[in-house]
Amino acid sequence: MMRAASINLTETGALVAGVPGVRHIITGLTLVASATLTVAVTDEDGAALIGPMTLAANVPVVLPADRGGYYAVPTAGKGLRLAITGVGQVGGCVSWREMRSA
């Protein structure tokens, strides 16, 4: 099942909560920052899945929807986080699918 959530963060924070026995696979991502910031999508332990990358103010970054997915959390039960370096706000949305561990 595909899922989606909005993003509205001013500091490092959760994108998707961990679910026991489930790996999250990112299937789409849109980010836009209010100021130049460095961001990375990580698992909840800080392992980088996407980035780090510099976002320019008001210039969106888009990974278009792809059912196959772009990146997966390497360990079942771990959530997704957006790590933010700098001062500003990041908005957007993330989509993902869940894969149950065998």
PDB file of N, CA and C in Angstrom:
ATOM      1  N   MET A   1       0.838  -1.180   0.000  1.00  0.00           N
ATOM      2  CA  MET A   1       0.000   0.000   0.000  1.00  0.00           C
ATOM      3  C   MET A   1       0.881   1.241   0.000  1.00  0.00           C
ATOM      4  N   MET A   2       0.551   2.182  -0.868  1.00  0.00           N
ATOM      5  CA  MET A   2       1.273   3.447  -0.925  1.00  0.00           C
ATOM      6  C   MET A   2       0.741   4.371   0.170  1.00  0.00           C
ATOM      7  N   ARG A   3       1.645   5.084   0.767  1.00  0.00           N
ATOM      8  CA  ARG A   3       1.291   6.046   1.809  1.00  0.00           C
ATOM      9  C   ARG A   3       1.993   7.362   1.505  1.00  0.00           C
ATOM     10  N   ALA A   4       1.485   8.438   2.090  1.00  0.00           N
ATOM     11  CA  ALA A   4       2.094   9.751   1.880  1.00  0.00           C
ATOM     12  C   ALA A   4       1.907  10.605   3.127  1.00  0.00           C
ATOM     13  N   ALA A   5       2.817  11.556   3.310  1.00  0.00           N
ATOM     14  CA  ALA A   5       2.732  12.487   4.434  1.00  0.00           C
ATOM     15  C   ALA A   5       3.321  13.822   4.015  1.00  0.00           C
ATOM     16  N   SER A   6       2.784  14.880   4.589  1.00  0.00           N
ATOM     17  CA  SER A   6       3.340  16.208   4.331  1.00  0.00           C
ATOM     18  C   SER A   6       4.571  16.426   5.207  1.00  0.00           C
ATOM     19  N   ILE A   7       5.404  17.348   4.774  1.00  0.00           N
ATOM     20  CA  ILE A   7       6.624  17.705   5.500  1.00  0.00           C
ATOM     21  C   ILE A   7       6.544  19.181   5.836  1.00  0.00           C
ATOM     22  N   ASN A   8       6.798  19.520   7.090  1.00  0.00           N
ATOM     23  CA  ASN A   8       6.851  20.907   7.543  1.00  0.00           C
ATOM     24  C   ASN A   8       7.756  20.940   8.767  1.00  0.00           C
ATOM     25  N   LEU A   9       9.055  21.130   8.537  1.00  0.00           N
ATOM     26  CA  LEU A   9      10.046  21.046   9.615  1.00  0.00           C
ATOM     27  C   LEU A   9      10.960  22.263   9.623  1.00  0.00           C
ATOM     28  N   THR A  10      11.385  22.673  10.807  1.00  0.00           N
ATOM     29  CA  THR A  10      12.381  23.727  10.957  1.00  0.00           C
ATOM     30  C   THR A  10      13.677  23.188  11.553  1.00  0.00           C
ATOM     31  N   GLU A  11      13.663  21.924  11.954  1.00  0.00           N
ATOM     32  CA  GLU A  11      14.858  21.254  12.476  1.00  0.00           C
ATOM     33  C   GLU A  11      14.727  19.763  12.174  1.00  0.00           C
ATOM     34  N   THR A  12      15.773  19.022  12.400  1.00  0.00           N
ATOM     35  CA  THR A  12      15.745  17.581  12.150  1.00  0.00           C
ATOM     36  C   THR A  12      14.533  16.954  12.832  1.00  0.00           C
ATOM     37  N   GLY A  13      13.816  16.120  12.072  1.00  0.00           N
ATOM     38  CA  GLY A  13      12.627  15.506  12.649  1.00  0.00           C
ATOM     39  C   GLY A  13      12.144  14.310  11.848  1.00  0.00           C
ATOM     40  N   ALA A  14      11.144  13.649  12.398  1.00  0.00           N
ATOM     41  CA  ALA A  14      10.603  12.423  11.809  1.00  0.00           C
ATOM     42  C   ALA A  14       9.781  12.720  10.559  1.00  0.00           C
ATOM     43  N   LEU A  15       9.960  11.876   9.539  1.00  0.00           N
ATOM     44  CA  LEU A  15       9.113  11.889   8.349  1.00  0.00           C
ATOM     45  C   LEU A  15       8.076  10.776   8.444  1.00  0.00           C
ATOM     46  N   VAL A  16       8.540   9.576   8.823  1.00  0.00           N
ATOM     47  CA  VAL A  16       7.688   8.391   8.896  1.00  0.00           C
ATOM     48  C   VAL A  16       8.108   7.602  10.131  1.00  0.00           C
ATOM     49  N   ALA A  17       7.151   7.257  10.971  1.00  0.00           N
ATOM     50  CA  ALA A  17       7.449   6.481  12.175  1.00  0.00           C
ATOM     51  C   ALA A  17       7.784   5.036  11.817  1.00  0.00           C
ATOM     52  N   GLY A  18       8.676   4.442  12.582  1.00  0.00           N
ATOM     53  CA  GLY A  18       9.011   3.040  12.397  1.00  0.00           C
ATOM     54  C   GLY A  18       7.830   2.149  12.757  1.00  0.00           C
ATOM     55  N   VAL A  19       7.741   1.022  12.070  1.00  0.00           N
ATOM     56  CA  VAL A  19       6.699   0.024  12.320  1.00  0.00           C
ATOM     57  C   VAL A  19       7.400  -1.318  12.494  1.00  0.00           C
ATOM     58  N   PRO A  20       7.175  -2.021  13.612  1.00  0.00           N
ATOM     59  CA  PRO A  20       7.855  -3.300  13.812  1.00  0.00           C
ATOM     60  C   PRO A  20       7.646  -4.259  12.633  1.00  0.00           C
ATOM     61  N   GLY A  21       8.757  -4.844  12.150  1.00  0.00           N
ATOM     62  CA  GLY A  21       8.693  -5.823  11.076  1.00  0.00           C
ATOM     63  C   GLY A  21       8.485  -5.252   9.686  1.00  0.00           C
ATOM     64  N   VAL A  22       8.564  -3.920   9.544  1.00  0.00           N
ATOM     65  CA  VAL A  22       8.292  -3.278   8.251  1.00  0.00           C
ATOM     66  C   VAL A  22       9.475  -2.407   7.839  1.00  0.00           C
ATOM     67  N   ARG A  23       9.857  -2.509   6.558  1.00  0.00           N
ATOM     68  CA  ARG A  23      10.835  -1.599   5.958  1.00  0.00           C
ATOM     69  C   ARG A  23      10.082  -0.592   5.101  1.00  0.00           C
ATOM     70  N   HIS A  24      10.420   0.686   5.252  1.00  0.00           N
ATOM     71  CA  HIS A  24       9.817   1.745   4.441  1.00  0.00           C
ATOM     72  C   HIS A  24      10.659   1.944   3.187  1.00  0.00           C
ATOM     73  N   ILE A  25      10.006   2.012   2.028  1.00  0.00           N
ATOM     74  CA  ILE A  25      10.682   2.247   0.758  1.00  0.00           C
ATOM     75  C   ILE A  25      10.172   3.571   0.198  1.00  0.00           C
ATOM     76  N   ILE A  26      11.057   4.549   0.049  1.00  0.00           N
ATOM     77  CA  ILE A  26      10.669   5.873  -0.447  1.00  0.00           C
ATOM     78  C   ILE A  26      10.318   5.752  -1.925  1.00  0.00           C
ATOM     79  N   THR A  27       9.097   6.180  -2.270  1.00  0.00           N
ATOM     80  CA  THR A  27       8.628   6.107  -3.656  1.00  0.00           C
ATOM     81  C   THR A  27       8.459   7.479  -4.303  1.00  0.00           C
ATOM     82  N   GLY A  28       8.624   8.537  -3.546  1.00  0.00           N
ATOM     83  CA  GLY A  28       8.532   9.889  -4.076  1.00  0.00           C
ATOM     84  C   GLY A  28       8.887  10.892  -2.990  1.00  0.00           C
ATOM     85  N   LEU A  29       9.390  12.051  -3.402  1.00  0.00           N
ATOM     86  CA  LEU A  29       9.803  13.058  -2.430  1.00  0.00           C
ATOM     87  C   LEU A  29       9.807  14.423  -3.098  1.00  0.00           C
ATOM     88  N   THR A  30       9.234  15.396  -2.413  1.00  0.00           N
ATOM     89  CA  THR A  30       9.305  16.798  -2.838  1.00  0.00           C
ATOM     90  C   THR A  30       9.753  17.616  -1.640  1.00  0.00           C
ATOM     91  N   LEU A  31      10.782  18.421  -1.830  1.00  0.00           N
ATOM     92  CA  LEU A  31      11.285  19.286  -0.761  1.00  0.00           C
ATOM     93  C   LEU A  31      11.471  20.693  -1.300  1.00  0.00           C
ATOM     94  N   VAL A  32      11.139  21.685  -0.489  1.00  0.00           N
ATOM     95  CA  VAL A  32      11.440  23.082  -0.804  1.00  0.00           C
ATOM     96  C   VAL A  32      11.782  23.769   0.513  1.00  0.00           C
ATOM     97  N   ALA A  33      12.828  24.602   0.485  1.00  0.00           N
ATOM     98  CA  ALA A  33      13.311  25.261   1.693  1.00  0.00           C
ATOM     99  C   ALA A  33      13.093  26.762   1.609  1.00  0.00           C
ATOM    100  N   SER A  34      12.924  27.374   2.763  1.00  0.00           N
ATOM    101  CA  SER A  34      12.728  28.827   2.823  1.00  0.00           C
ATOM    102  C   SER A  34      14.052  29.584   2.748  1.00  0.00           C
ATOM    103  N   ALA A  35      15.149  28.884   2.985  1.00  0.00           N
ATOM    104  CA  ALA A  35      16.494  29.468   2.943  1.00  0.00           C
ATOM    105  C   ALA A  35      17.440  28.366   2.458  1.00  0.00           C
ATOM    106  N   THR A  36      18.658  28.714   2.134  1.00  0.00           N
ATOM    107  CA  THR A  36      19.614  27.696   1.723  1.00  0.00           C
ATOM    108  C   THR A  36      19.940  26.813   2.926  1.00  0.00           C
ATOM    109  N   LEU A  37      19.660  25.522   2.781  1.00  0.00           N
ATOM    110  CA  LEU A  37      19.852  24.546   3.857  1.00  0.00           C
ATOM    111  C   LEU A  37      20.481  23.284   3.292  1.00  0.00           C
ATOM    112  N   THR A  38      21.122  22.517   4.154  1.00  0.00           N
ATOM    113  CA  THR A  38      21.602  21.187   3.797  1.00  0.00           C
ATOM    114  C   THR A  38      20.680  20.177   4.471  1.00  0.00           C
ATOM    115  N   VAL A  39      20.224  19.200   3.686  1.00  0.00           N
ATOM    116  CA  VAL A  39      19.301  18.194   4.218  1.00  0.00           C
ATOM    117  C   VAL A  39      19.761  16.799   3.805  1.00  0.00           C
ATOM    118  N   ALA A  40      19.310  15.815   4.559  1.00  0.00           N
ATOM    119  CA  ALA A  40      19.537  14.413   4.216  1.00  0.00           C
ATOM    120  C   ALA A  40      18.364  13.610   4.747  1.00  0.00           C
ATOM    121  N   VAL A  41      17.909  12.642   3.973  1.00  0.00           N
ATOM    122  CA  VAL A  41      16.919  11.691   4.453  1.00  0.00           C
ATOM    123  C   VAL A  41      17.708  10.542   5.065  1.00  0.00           C
ATOM    124  N   THR A  42      17.414  10.220   6.316  1.00  0.00           N
ATOM    125  CA  THR A  42      18.143   9.184   7.046  1.00  0.00           C
ATOM    126  C   THR A  42      17.167   8.203   7.684  1.00  0.00           C
ATOM    127  N   ASP A  43      17.701   7.078   8.162  1.00  0.00           N
ATOM    128  CA  ASP A  43      16.877   6.255   9.030  1.00  0.00           C
ATOM    129  C   ASP A  43      16.958   6.870  10.425  1.00  0.00           C
ATOM    130  N   GLU A  44      16.230   6.336  11.383  1.00  0.00           N
ATOM    131  CA  GLU A  44      16.193   6.985  12.694  1.00  0.00           C
ATOM    132  C   GLU A  44      17.513   6.879  13.456  1.00  0.00           C
ATOM    133  N   ASP A  45      18.445   6.043  12.968  1.00  0.00           N
ATOM    134  CA  ASP A  45      19.775   5.960  13.576  1.00  0.00           C
ATOM    135  C   ASP A  45      20.766   6.908  12.924  1.00  0.00           C
ATOM    136  N   GLY A  46      20.330   7.631  11.867  1.00  0.00           N
ATOM    137  CA  GLY A  46      21.192   8.593  11.206  1.00  0.00           C
ATOM    138  C   GLY A  46      21.900   8.089   9.962  1.00  0.00           C
ATOM    139  N   ALA A  47      21.647   6.842   9.539  1.00  0.00           N
ATOM    140  CA  ALA A  47      22.254   6.323   8.311  1.00  0.00           C
ATOM    141  C   ALA A  47      21.629   7.043   7.117  1.00  0.00           C
ATOM    142  N   ALA A  48      22.462   7.697   6.301  1.00  0.00           N
ATOM    143  CA  ALA A  48      21.963   8.488   5.175  1.00  0.00           C
ATOM    144  C   ALA A  48      21.405   7.592   4.077  1.00  0.00           C
ATOM    145  N   LEU A  49      20.200   7.909   3.612  1.00  0.00           N
ATOM    146  CA  LEU A  49      19.578   7.230   2.479  1.00  0.00           C
ATOM    147  C   LEU A  49      19.612   8.126   1.250  1.00  0.00           C
ATOM    148  N   ILE A  50      19.393   9.412   1.440  1.00  0.00           N
ATOM    149  CA  ILE A  50      19.439  10.404   0.367  1.00  0.00           C
ATOM    150  C   ILE A  50      20.196  11.614   0.907  1.00  0.00           C
ATOM    151  N   GLY A  51      21.250  12.023   0.196  1.00  0.00           N
ATOM    152  CA  GLY A  51      21.980  13.218   0.600  1.00  0.00           C
ATOM    153  C   GLY A  51      23.203  12.869   1.424  1.00  0.00           C
ATOM    154  N   PRO A  52      23.812  13.909   1.973  1.00  0.00           N
ATOM    155  CA  PRO A  52      23.281  15.255   2.114  1.00  0.00           C
ATOM    156  C   PRO A  52      23.262  16.016   0.787  1.00  0.00           C
ATOM    157  N   MET A  53      22.324  16.961   0.713  1.00  0.00           N
ATOM    158  CA  MET A  53      22.220  17.818  -0.463  1.00  0.00           C
ATOM    159  C   MET A  53      21.848  19.222  -0.007  1.00  0.00           C
ATOM    160  N   THR A  54      22.308  20.196  -0.783  1.00  0.00           N
ATOM    161  CA  THR A  54      22.004  21.590  -0.473  1.00  0.00           C
ATOM    162  C   THR A  54      20.746  21.993  -1.226  1.00  0.00           C
ATOM    163  N   LEU A  55      19.782  22.533  -0.487  1.00  0.00           N
ATOM    164  CA  LEU A  55      18.565  23.077  -1.090  1.00  0.00           C
ATOM    165  C   LEU A  55      18.711  24.590  -1.161  1.00  0.00           C
ATOM    166  N   ALA A  56      18.523  25.159  -2.335  1.00  0.00           N
ATOM    167  CA  ALA A  56      18.501  26.608  -2.490  1.00  0.00           C
ATOM    168  C   ALA A  56      17.125  27.124  -2.069  1.00  0.00           C
ATOM    169  N   ALA A  57      17.066  28.321  -1.580  1.00  0.00           N
ATOM    170  CA  ALA A  57      15.799  28.903  -1.129  1.00  0.00           C
ATOM    171  C   ALA A  57      14.772  28.915  -2.257  1.00  0.00           C
ATOM    172  N   ASN A  58      13.601  28.381  -1.967  1.00  0.00           N
ATOM    173  CA  ASN A  58      12.437  28.417  -2.865  1.00  0.00           C
ATOM    174  C   ASN A  58      12.633  27.687  -4.196  1.00  0.00           C
ATOM    175  N   VAL A  59      13.578  26.747  -4.247  1.00  0.00           N
ATOM    176  CA  VAL A  59      13.804  25.940  -5.448  1.00  0.00           C
ATOM    177  C   VAL A  59      13.476  24.488  -5.087  1.00  0.00           C
ATOM    178  N   PRO A  60      12.361  23.954  -5.589  1.00  0.00           N
ATOM    179  CA  PRO A  60      11.966  22.604  -5.188  1.00  0.00           C
ATOM    180  C   PRO A  60      12.883  21.523  -5.756  1.00  0.00           C
ATOM    181  N   VAL A  61      13.012  20.454  -4.995  1.00  0.00           N
ATOM    182  CA  VAL A  61      13.688  19.235  -5.426  1.00  0.00           C
ATOM    183  C   VAL A  61      12.621  18.153  -5.456  1.00  0.00           C
ATOM    184  N   VAL A  62      12.525  17.426  -6.579  1.00  0.00           N
ATOM    185  CA  VAL A  62      11.449  16.446  -6.745  1.00  0.00           C
ATOM    186  C   VAL A  62      12.014  15.105  -7.205  1.00  0.00           C
ATOM    187  N   LEU A  63      11.679  14.053  -6.478  1.00  0.00           N
ATOM    188  CA  LEU A  63      11.843  12.687  -6.958  1.00  0.00           C
ATOM    189  C   LEU A  63      10.439  12.243  -7.343  1.00  0.00           C
ATOM    190  N   PRO A  64      10.125  12.153  -8.633  1.00  0.00           N
ATOM    191  CA  PRO A  64       8.762  11.823  -9.037  1.00  0.00           C
ATOM    192  C   PRO A  64       8.358  10.427  -8.567  1.00  0.00           C
ATOM    193  N   ALA A  65       7.073  10.224  -8.409  1.00  0.00           N
ATOM    194  CA  ALA A  65       6.552   8.944  -7.918  1.00  0.00           C
ATOM    195  C   ALA A  65       7.067   7.782  -8.763  1.00  0.00           C
ATOM    196  N   ASP A  66       7.554   6.756  -8.073  1.00  0.00           N
ATOM    197  CA  ASP A  66       8.057   5.544  -8.715  1.00  0.00           C
ATOM    198  C   ASP A  66       7.696   4.372  -7.809  1.00  0.00           C
ATOM    199  N   ARG A  67       6.740   3.554  -8.242  1.00  0.00           N
ATOM    200  CA  ARG A  67       6.276   2.431  -7.415  1.00  0.00           C
ATOM    201  C   ARG A  67       7.396   1.493  -6.988  1.00  0.00           C
ATOM    202  N   GLY A  68       8.424   1.372  -7.830  1.00  0.00           N
ATOM    203  CA  GLY A  68       9.547   0.507  -7.471  1.00  0.00           C
ATOM    204  C   GLY A  68      10.334   1.040  -6.293  1.00  0.00           C
ATOM    205  N   GLY A  69      10.327   2.352  -6.146  1.00  0.00           N
ATOM    206  CA  GLY A  69      11.006   2.988  -5.026  1.00  0.00           C
ATOM    207  C   GLY A  69      12.414   3.426  -5.354  1.00  0.00           C
ATOM    208  N   TYR A  70      12.898   4.352  -4.567  1.00  0.00           N
ATOM    209  CA  TYR A  70      14.238   4.892  -4.714  1.00  0.00           C
ATOM    210  C   TYR A  70      15.187   4.322  -3.667  1.00  0.00           C
ATOM    211  N   TYR A  71      14.800   4.397  -2.422  1.00  0.00           N
ATOM    212  CA  TYR A  71      15.657   4.002  -1.315  1.00  0.00           C
ATOM    213  C   TYR A  71      14.804   3.303  -0.274  1.00  0.00           C
ATOM    214  N   ALA A  72      15.413   2.353   0.426  1.00  0.00           N
ATOM    215  CA  ALA A  72      14.709   1.622   1.483  1.00  0.00           C
ATOM    216  C   ALA A  72      15.466   1.762   2.788  1.00  0.00           C
ATOM    217  N   VAL A  73      14.735   1.852   3.868  1.00  0.00           N
ATOM    218  CA  VAL A  73      15.349   1.818   5.182  1.00  0.00           C
ATOM    219  C   VAL A  73      15.992   0.434   5.321  1.00  0.00           C
ATOM    220  N   PRO A  74      17.286   0.369   5.654  1.00  0.00           N
ATOM    221  CA  PRO A  74      17.966  -0.916   5.647  1.00  0.00           C
ATOM    222  C   PRO A  74      17.516  -1.906   6.721  1.00  0.00           C
ATOM    223  N   THR A  75      16.932  -1.416   7.803  1.00  0.00           N
ATOM    224  CA  THR A  75      16.547  -2.281   8.913  1.00  0.00           C
ATOM    225  C   THR A  75      15.055  -2.160   9.184  1.00  0.00           C
ATOM    226  N   ALA A  76      14.374  -3.307   9.219  1.00  0.00           N
ATOM    227  CA  ALA A  76      12.937  -3.309   9.529  1.00  0.00           C
ATOM    228  C   ALA A  76      12.697  -2.655  10.886  1.00  0.00           C
ATOM    229  N   GLY A  77      11.603  -1.936  10.981  1.00  0.00           N
ATOM    230  CA  GLY A  77      11.216  -1.292  12.228  1.00  0.00           C
ATOM    231  C   GLY A  77      11.756   0.109  12.418  1.00  0.00           C
ATOM    232  N   LYS A  78      12.646   0.550  11.530  1.00  0.00           N
ATOM    233  CA  LYS A  78      13.229   1.889  11.655  1.00  0.00           C
ATOM    234  C   LYS A  78      12.421   2.908  10.866  1.00  0.00           C
ATOM    235  N   GLY A  79      12.284   4.098  11.418  1.00  0.00           N
ATOM    236  CA  GLY A  79      11.569   5.182  10.758  1.00  0.00           C
ATOM    237  C   GLY A  79      12.475   5.998   9.859  1.00  0.00           C
ATOM    238  N   LEU A  80      11.876   6.959   9.168  1.00  0.00           N
ATOM    239  CA  LEU A  80      12.594   7.890   8.298  1.00  0.00           C
ATOM    240  C   LEU A  80      12.650   9.258   8.956  1.00  0.00           C
ATOM    241  N   ARG A  81      13.784   9.934   8.807  1.00  0.00           N
ATOM    242  CA  ARG A  81      13.956  11.276   9.351  1.00  0.00           C
ATOM    243  C   ARG A  81      14.511  12.194   8.282  1.00  0.00           C
ATOM    244  N   LEU A  82      14.277  13.477   8.442  1.00  0.00           N
ATOM    245  CA  LEU A  82      14.904  14.488   7.604  1.00  0.00           C
ATOM    246  C   LEU A  82      15.869  15.252   8.493  1.00  0.00           C
ATOM    247  N   ALA A  83      17.168  15.118   8.209  1.00  0.00           N
ATOM    248  CA  ALA A  83      18.188  15.858   8.950  1.00  0.00           C
ATOM    249  C   ALA A  83      18.383  17.205   8.264  1.00  0.00           C
ATOM    250  N   ILE A  84      18.317  18.278   9.044  1.00  0.00           N
ATOM    251  CA  ILE A  84      18.413  19.637   8.508  1.00  0.00           C
ATOM    252  C   ILE A  84      19.581  20.357   9.179  1.00  0.00           C
ATOM    253  N   THR A  85      20.442  20.964   8.345  1.00  0.00           N
ATOM    254  CA  THR A  85      21.522  21.802   8.848  1.00  0.00           C
ATOM    255  C   THR A  85      21.294  23.206   8.307  1.00  0.00           C
ATOM    256  N   GLY A  86      21.240  24.172   9.218  1.00  0.00           N
ATOM    257  CA  GLY A  86      20.987  25.557   8.846  1.00  0.00           C
ATOM    258  C   GLY A  86      19.705  26.037   9.496  1.00  0.00           C
ATOM    259  N   VAL A  87      19.370  27.297   9.221  1.00  0.00           N
ATOM    260  CA  VAL A  87      18.181  27.907   9.817  1.00  0.00           C
ATOM    261  C   VAL A  87      17.180  28.210   8.722  1.00  0.00           C
ATOM    262  N   GLY A  88      16.009  27.648   8.839  1.00  0.00           N
ATOM    263  CA  GLY A  88      14.953  27.847   7.859  1.00  0.00           C
ATOM    264  C   GLY A  88      13.902  26.751   8.001  1.00  0.00           C
ATOM    265  N   GLN A  89      12.995  26.721   7.063  1.00  0.00           N
ATOM    266  CA  GLN A  89      11.892  25.772   7.083  1.00  0.00           C
ATOM    267  C   GLN A  89      11.933  24.925   5.818  1.00  0.00           C
ATOM    268  N   VAL A  90      11.616  23.629   5.962  1.00  0.00           N
ATOM    269  CA  VAL A  90      11.520  22.724   4.821  1.00  0.00           C
ATOM    270  C   VAL A  90      10.095  22.200   4.756  1.00  0.00           C
ATOM    271  N   GLY A  91       9.487  22.336   3.591  1.00  0.00           N
ATOM    272  CA  GLY A  91       8.148  21.808   3.361  1.00  0.00           C
ATOM    273  C   GLY A  91       8.179  20.837   2.197  1.00  0.00           C
ATOM    274  N   GLY A  92       7.081  20.140   2.012  1.00  0.00           N
ATOM    275  CA  GLY A  92       6.969  19.219   0.888  1.00  0.00           C
ATOM    276  C   GLY A  92       6.148  18.009   1.251  1.00  0.00           C
ATOM    277  N   CYS A  93       6.461  16.892   0.602  1.00  0.00           N
ATOM    278  CA  CYS A  93       5.756  15.649   0.904  1.00  0.00           C
ATOM    279  C   CYS A  93       6.671  14.467   0.588  1.00  0.00           C
ATOM    280  N   VAL A  94       6.380  13.364   1.236  1.00  0.00           N
ATOM    281  CA  VAL A  94       7.097  12.117   1.016  1.00  0.00           C
ATOM    282  C   VAL A  94       6.067  11.025   0.795  1.00  0.00           C
ATOM    283  N   SER A  95       6.332  10.134  -0.151  1.00  0.00           N
ATOM    284  CA  SER A  95       5.482   8.958  -0.333  1.00  0.00           C
ATOM    285  C   SER A  95       6.350   7.718  -0.162  1.00  0.00           C
ATOM    286  N   TRP A  96       5.736   6.648   0.302  1.00  0.00           N
ATOM    287  CA  TRP A  96       6.466   5.426   0.548  1.00  0.00           C
ATOM    288  C   TRP A  96       5.527   4.234   0.481  1.00  0.00           C
ATOM    289  N   ARG A  97       6.123   3.070   0.377  1.00  0.00           N
ATOM    290  CA  ARG A  97       5.365   1.843   0.526  1.00  0.00           C
ATOM    291  C   ARG A  97       6.033   1.024   1.619  1.00  0.00           C
ATOM    292  N   GLU A  98       5.279   0.112   2.178  1.00  0.00           N
ATOM    293  CA  GLU A  98       5.788  -0.700   3.269  1.00  0.00           C
ATOM    294  C   GLU A  98       6.025  -2.121   2.774  1.00  0.00           C
ATOM    295  N   MET A  99       7.143  -2.693   3.206  1.00  0.00           N
ATOM    296  CA  MET A  99       7.455  -4.071   2.862  1.00  0.00           C
ATOM    297  C   MET A  99       7.652  -4.842   4.169  1.00  0.00           C
ATOM    298  N   ARG A 100       6.830  -5.832   4.372  1.00  0.00           N
ATOM    299  CA  ARG A 100       6.941  -6.661   5.576  1.00  0.00           C
ATOM    300  C   ARG A 100       8.172  -7.553   5.491  1.00  0.00           C
ATOM    301  N   SER A 101       8.886  -7.662   6.579  1.00  0.00           N
ATOM    302  CA  SER A 101      10.061  -8.544   6.630  1.00  0.00           C
ATOM    303  C   SER A 101       9.586  -9.977   6.766  1.00  0.00           C
ATOM    304  N   ALA A 102      10.334 -10.873   6.114  1.00  0.00           N
ATOM    305  CA  ALA A 102       9.973 -12.290   6.169  1.00  0.00           C
ATOM    306  C   ALA A 102      10.498 -12.930   7.423  1.00  0.00           C
TER     307      ALA A 102
END
